[in-house]
Protein backbone atom coordinates (compact mmCIF):
# COMPACT_ATOMS: atom_id res chain seq x y z
CA MET A 1 1.08 -24.96 -1.46
CA ILE A 2 4.86 -24.72 -1.87
CA TRP A 3 6.28 -21.90 -1.94
CA HIS A 4 9.82 -20.32 -3.31
CA PHE A 5 11.65 -17.26 -3.54
CA GLU A 6 13.60 -16.11 -6.55
CA ASN A 7 15.87 -13.36 -6.90
CA THR A 8 16.84 -14.04 -10.59
CA GLY A 9 18.63 -10.64 -10.69
CA TYR A 10 18.86 -8.23 -13.93
CA HIS A 11 17.89 -9.85 -17.73
CA SER A 12 17.20 -8.73 -20.92
CA GLY A 13 13.14 -7.75 -21.35
CA ALA A 14 12.83 -11.44 -23.26
CA PHE A 15 14.53 -13.39 -20.79
CA ASN A 16 12.01 -11.55 -18.26
CA MET A 17 9.01 -12.29 -19.82
CA GLU A 18 9.57 -15.73 -21.14
CA TYR A 19 10.80 -16.83 -17.42
CA ASP A 20 7.57 -15.64 -15.58
CA GLU A 21 5.29 -16.99 -18.47
CA ARG A 22 7.29 -20.77 -17.96
CA LEU A 23 6.91 -20.67 -14.14
CA ALA A 24 2.80 -20.19 -15.00
CA ARG A 25 3.20 -23.06 -17.39
CA MET A 26 4.69 -25.17 -14.98
CA LEU A 27 1.76 -25.19 -12.77
CA VAL A 28 -0.55 -25.07 -15.42
CA GLU A 29 0.77 -28.58 -16.17
CA GLY A 30 0.21 -29.96 -12.41
CA SER A 31 3.36 -28.44 -10.29
CA GLU A 32 1.98 -27.21 -6.76
CA ILE A 33 4.78 -24.80 -6.51
CA GLY A 34 4.26 -21.23 -5.72
CA THR A 35 6.70 -18.74 -6.62
CA VAL A 36 7.58 -15.20 -6.25
CA ARG A 37 10.16 -13.98 -7.95
CA ILE A 38 12.03 -10.50 -8.19
CA TYR A 39 14.51 -9.14 -10.99
CA GLY A 40 15.07 -6.51 -13.05
CA TRP A 41 16.00 -5.39 -16.52
CA LYS A 42 19.60 -4.95 -18.14
CA PRO A 43 19.29 -3.38 -20.71
CA ALA A 44 16.26 -1.20 -19.90
CA ALA A 45 13.58 -2.41 -21.84
CA ILE A 46 9.87 -1.42 -22.18
CA SER A 47 7.28 -3.81 -21.86
CA LEU A 48 4.00 -3.61 -23.98
CA GLY A 49 0.46 -5.03 -22.52
CA TRP A 50 -0.48 -8.02 -24.28
CA ASN A 51 -3.03 -6.73 -26.61
CA GLN A 52 -1.26 -2.95 -26.83
CA SER A 53 -0.45 -1.99 -30.48
CA LEU A 54 3.62 -1.93 -31.02
CA GLU A 55 2.86 1.31 -33.55
CA GLU A 56 2.11 3.40 -30.35
CA ILE A 57 5.61 3.01 -29.78
CA ASP A 58 9.18 4.58 -31.78
CA LEU A 59 11.09 1.67 -32.46
CA ALA A 60 13.86 3.65 -33.99
CA THR A 61 14.03 6.23 -31.00
CA CYS A 62 14.13 2.89 -29.05
CA SER A 63 16.89 1.40 -31.06
CA GLN A 64 19.21 4.32 -30.47
CA ALA A 65 18.92 4.50 -27.16
CA GLY A 66 19.70 0.32 -26.88
CA ILE A 67 15.97 0.00 -25.21
CA ASP A 68 14.79 -3.67 -25.74
CA VAL A 69 10.91 -3.79 -26.53
CA VAL A 70 8.99 -6.76 -25.41
CA ARG A 71 5.61 -8.07 -25.05
CA ARG A 72 4.37 -9.04 -21.96
CA PRO A 73 1.89 -11.93 -21.18
CA THR A 74 -0.33 -9.64 -19.24
CA GLY A 75 -2.40 -6.67 -20.02
CA GLY A 76 -1.94 -3.07 -19.31
CA ARG A 77 0.13 -0.55 -21.18
CA ALA A 78 3.49 0.14 -21.56
CA ILE A 79 6.19 0.58 -19.07
CA LEU A 80 9.89 1.63 -18.99
CA HIS A 81 11.37 -0.96 -16.50
CA SER A 82 14.70 0.79 -15.58
CA ASP A 83 15.73 2.47 -12.21
CA GLU A 84 12.99 -0.23 -10.58
CA LEU A 85 12.32 -3.53 -8.81
CA THR A 86 10.31 -6.02 -10.35
CA TYR A 87 8.04 -8.68 -9.00
CA SER A 88 6.20 -11.41 -9.75
CA VAL A 89 3.62 -13.97 -8.10
CA THR A 90 2.72 -16.90 -9.89
CA MET A 91 0.02 -19.80 -7.65
CA VAL A 92 -2.87 -21.29 -8.42
CA SER A 93 -5.61 -19.05 -7.75
CA ALA A 94 -8.45 -21.33 -7.07
CA ARG A 95 -11.41 -19.55 -7.35
CA SER A 96 -10.17 -16.21 -6.46
CA SER A 97 -11.14 -12.84 -8.41
CA VAL A 98 -8.51 -11.07 -10.11
CA LEU A 99 -9.39 -7.82 -7.86
CA SER A 100 -9.13 -10.21 -4.54
CA MET A 101 -5.78 -11.66 -5.57
CA TYR A 102 -4.43 -7.94 -6.20
CA ASN A 103 -5.45 -6.95 -3.04
CA GLU A 104 -3.63 -9.96 -1.55
CA ILE A 105 -0.33 -9.16 -3.13
CA SER A 106 -1.11 -5.72 -2.85
CA LYS A 107 -1.41 -6.06 0.96
CA ALA A 108 1.99 -8.59 1.45
CA LEU A 109 4.37 -5.23 -0.92
CA VAL A 110 2.85 -3.03 1.39
CA CYS A 111 3.52 -4.89 4.27
CA GLY A 112 7.14 -5.32 3.13
CA LEU A 113 7.85 -1.47 1.75
CA ARG A 114 6.58 -0.36 5.20
CA HIS A 115 9.87 -1.69 6.41
CA LEU A 116 11.31 1.01 4.81
CA ASN A 117 8.93 3.68 6.66
CA VAL A 118 7.29 4.18 3.39
CA ASP A 119 3.32 5.72 4.27
CA VAL A 120 2.07 3.50 1.17
CA SER A 121 -1.70 2.75 0.57
CA LEU A 122 -3.96 1.50 -1.12
CA GLU A 123 -5.70 3.11 -4.19
CA LYS A 124 -9.56 2.53 -3.67
CA SER A 125 -10.87 3.82 -6.96
CA GLN A 126 -11.32 1.91 -10.47
CA PRO A 127 -11.39 3.82 -13.73
CA HIS A 128 -13.32 2.65 -16.58
CA PHE A 129 -11.01 1.25 -18.78
CA PRO A 130 -12.16 1.11 -22.37
CA SER A 131 -12.68 4.91 -22.10
CA LEU A 132 -9.17 5.62 -20.43
CA TYR A 133 -7.61 3.55 -23.19
CA ARG A 134 -8.96 6.23 -25.34
CA THR A 135 -7.21 8.98 -24.44
CA PRO A 136 -3.69 9.43 -25.78
CA SER A 137 -1.82 9.99 -22.04
CA SER A 138 -3.00 6.00 -21.76
CA ALA A 139 -0.22 4.60 -23.76
CA ALA A 140 1.86 4.82 -20.52
CA CYS A 141 1.05 2.63 -17.86
CA PHE A 142 1.79 5.04 -14.66
CA THR A 143 -0.77 7.41 -15.96
CA SER A 144 -3.76 5.85 -14.05
CA SER A 145 -4.18 3.94 -11.15
CA ALA A 146 -6.24 1.06 -10.54
CA ARG A 147 -8.01 -0.62 -7.51
CA TYR A 148 -5.61 -1.99 -5.31
CA GLU A 149 -2.25 -0.42 -6.84
CA ILE A 150 -0.40 1.11 -3.82
CA SER A 151 0.09 4.81 -3.92
CA VAL A 152 2.37 7.38 -1.52
CA GLY A 153 0.36 10.58 -0.94
CA GLY A 154 -2.08 9.91 -3.96
CA ARG A 155 1.05 9.49 -6.40
CA LYS A 156 1.25 5.96 -8.21
CA LEU A 157 4.28 3.54 -6.49
CA VAL A 158 3.52 0.35 -8.35
CA GLY A 159 1.99 -0.56 -11.02
CA SER A 160 0.83 -4.50 -11.96
CA ALA A 161 -0.66 -6.65 -14.31
CA GLN A 162 -2.04 -9.94 -14.43
CA ARG A 163 -2.89 -12.84 -16.57
CA ARG A 164 -5.22 -16.43 -15.72
CA TYR A 165 -4.56 -19.85 -17.12
CA ALA A 166 -6.71 -22.51 -17.00
CA ARG A 167 -6.01 -26.06 -15.76
CA SER A 168 -7.26 -28.86 -17.31
CA ASN A 169 -9.24 -29.82 -13.72
CA GLY A 170 -10.97 -26.18 -13.73
CA GLU A 171 -8.48 -24.70 -11.85
CA GLU A 172 -6.80 -21.36 -12.56
CA VAL A 173 -3.49 -20.00 -12.24
CA MET A 174 -2.59 -16.63 -11.90
CA LEU A 175 0.17 -14.85 -13.10
CA GLN A 176 1.09 -11.16 -11.74
CA HIS A 177 3.67 -8.90 -12.04
CA GLY A 178 4.37 -5.34 -11.46
CA SER A 179 7.18 -2.71 -11.03
CA ILE A 180 7.97 -1.15 -7.89
CA LEU A 181 9.64 2.40 -8.86
CA LEU A 182 12.99 2.80 -7.18
CA GLY A 183 14.06 6.03 -9.05
CA GLY A 184 12.06 8.42 -11.87
CA ASP A 185 13.42 6.74 -14.86
CA HIS A 186 9.95 5.56 -15.52
CA LYS A 187 9.04 9.06 -16.81
CA ARG A 188 11.54 8.61 -19.75
CA MET A 189 8.68 6.26 -21.26
CA VAL A 190 7.13 9.95 -23.21
CA GLU A 191 10.63 9.64 -24.97
CA PHE A 192 9.60 6.82 -26.65
CA LEU A 193 5.94 7.19 -27.45
CA ALA A 194 4.59 7.72 -31.02
CA ILE A 195 2.88 10.84 -30.30
CA LYS A 196 2.31 14.30 -31.29
CA GLU A 197 4.23 16.74 -29.46
CA LYS A 198 1.27 18.33 -27.55
CA GLU A 199 0.23 14.79 -26.12
CA ARG A 200 4.10 14.20 -24.73
CA LEU A 201 3.73 17.53 -22.90
CA LEU A 202 0.28 16.20 -21.36
CA ILE A 203 1.94 12.77 -20.54
CA VAL A 204 5.07 14.96 -18.76
CA GLN A 205 3.03 16.73 -16.86
CA GLU A 206 0.34 13.57 -15.59
CA LEU A 207 3.47 11.30 -14.73
CA ASN A 208 5.21 14.51 -12.57
CA GLU A 209 1.42 14.96 -10.91
CA LYS A 210 0.46 11.18 -10.95
CA THR A 211 3.78 8.84 -10.37
CA THR A 212 6.48 8.97 -7.50
CA ASP A 213 9.21 6.78 -6.30
CA LEU A 214 10.66 5.34 -3.16
CA CYS A 215 14.34 7.75 -3.87
CA SER A 216 11.75 11.23 -4.00
CA VAL A 217 9.80 9.57 -1.25
CA LEU A 218 12.55 8.99 1.25
CA GLN A 219 15.25 11.40 0.09
CA ARG A 220 17.73 8.58 -0.05
CA THR A 221 18.62 6.67 -2.79
CA VAL A 222 17.22 3.17 -2.13
CA THR A 223 18.85 -0.16 -4.09
CA PHE A 224 17.61 -3.06 -5.50
CA GLU A 225 19.64 -5.09 -3.65
CA GLU A 226 17.99 -2.98 -0.02
CA LEU A 227 14.50 -3.93 -1.02
CA VAL A 228 14.60 -7.58 -2.18
CA PRO A 229 14.96 -8.79 1.68
CA MET A 230 11.77 -6.26 2.58
CA ILE A 231 9.70 -7.83 -0.33
CA ARG A 232 10.16 -11.33 0.97
CA LEU A 233 9.63 -10.48 4.59
CA GLY A 234 6.35 -8.65 3.26
CA PHE A 235 4.89 -12.01 1.93
CA GLU A 236 6.08 -13.81 4.75
CA GLU A 237 4.46 -12.15 6.85
CA ALA A 238 1.13 -10.45 5.20
CA TRP A 239 0.45 -14.40 3.79
CA GLY A 240 1.85 -16.44 6.91
CA ILE A 241 3.95 -18.43 4.64
CA ARG A 242 7.63 -19.45 4.75
CA PHE A 243 9.52 -20.00 1.93
CA ALA A 244 10.69 -23.54 1.39
CA GLN A 245 14.29 -21.95 -0.48
CA SER A 246 15.62 -18.96 -1.74
CA VAL A 247 16.76 -19.71 -5.08
CA GLU A 248 19.47 -17.38 -6.81
CA GLN A 249 20.09 -19.21 -9.37
CA SER A 250 17.25 -21.05 -10.91
CA SER A 251 18.03 -24.00 -13.83
CA MET A 252 15.97 -22.19 -16.19
CA ILE A 253 18.14 -19.46 -16.16
CA GLY A 254 20.53 -21.21 -17.89
CA GLU A 255 18.35 -22.37 -20.02
CA LEU A 256 16.76 -19.26 -21.15
CA ALA A 257 19.84 -17.46 -21.26
């Protein structure tokens, strides 16, 4: 497979989700180009998992704060995308399982993050999601970790979600994207949930106890621009690939803007 690396910079939530899905659709239609994409969000946005109820979000508060609300093509729970670097991987996954691809992508991210001297590790356990999603705190993605997600000292640093698409020849196309937390802005997610005050305090506590970010870990500011080449290098080293080109401005940007 030919591999491209794209840094598409900062765009709206609707742009970012449509861009990821369009990359996947191109593979479904026969393209053989895998893509690792890096991007940010402007303005800040909340993304909902594909099956998550919009009623869990306080839309009026989001509007007042200038926060976009968008639905992801993948599953999982709500995330406030603000002070982060978001990655996506689109590829033909052949017969690789969901968990095996989580593992392989996480290994590449770990490889890149370790170039920043971050002592990251992979989550080994898997929660029972049907039970988890019945708890009030489940509305926010970062209150729980899935197997092979990335943590530092037991605290979640990267949250990811995956979707599969069917090709006509029986192969599967995989889209996985996720948030690498640069700072602590993700904790503001609790401000935009349509929940009771008691539940809000519980989620604040869980986010403080269960999550971390690169600024907190390294005790310095880590910028989007600093992390981009590290993530690229991580995929090249972990997967033994060389990107065919680095696309800073894809033709799709003009189409979707």
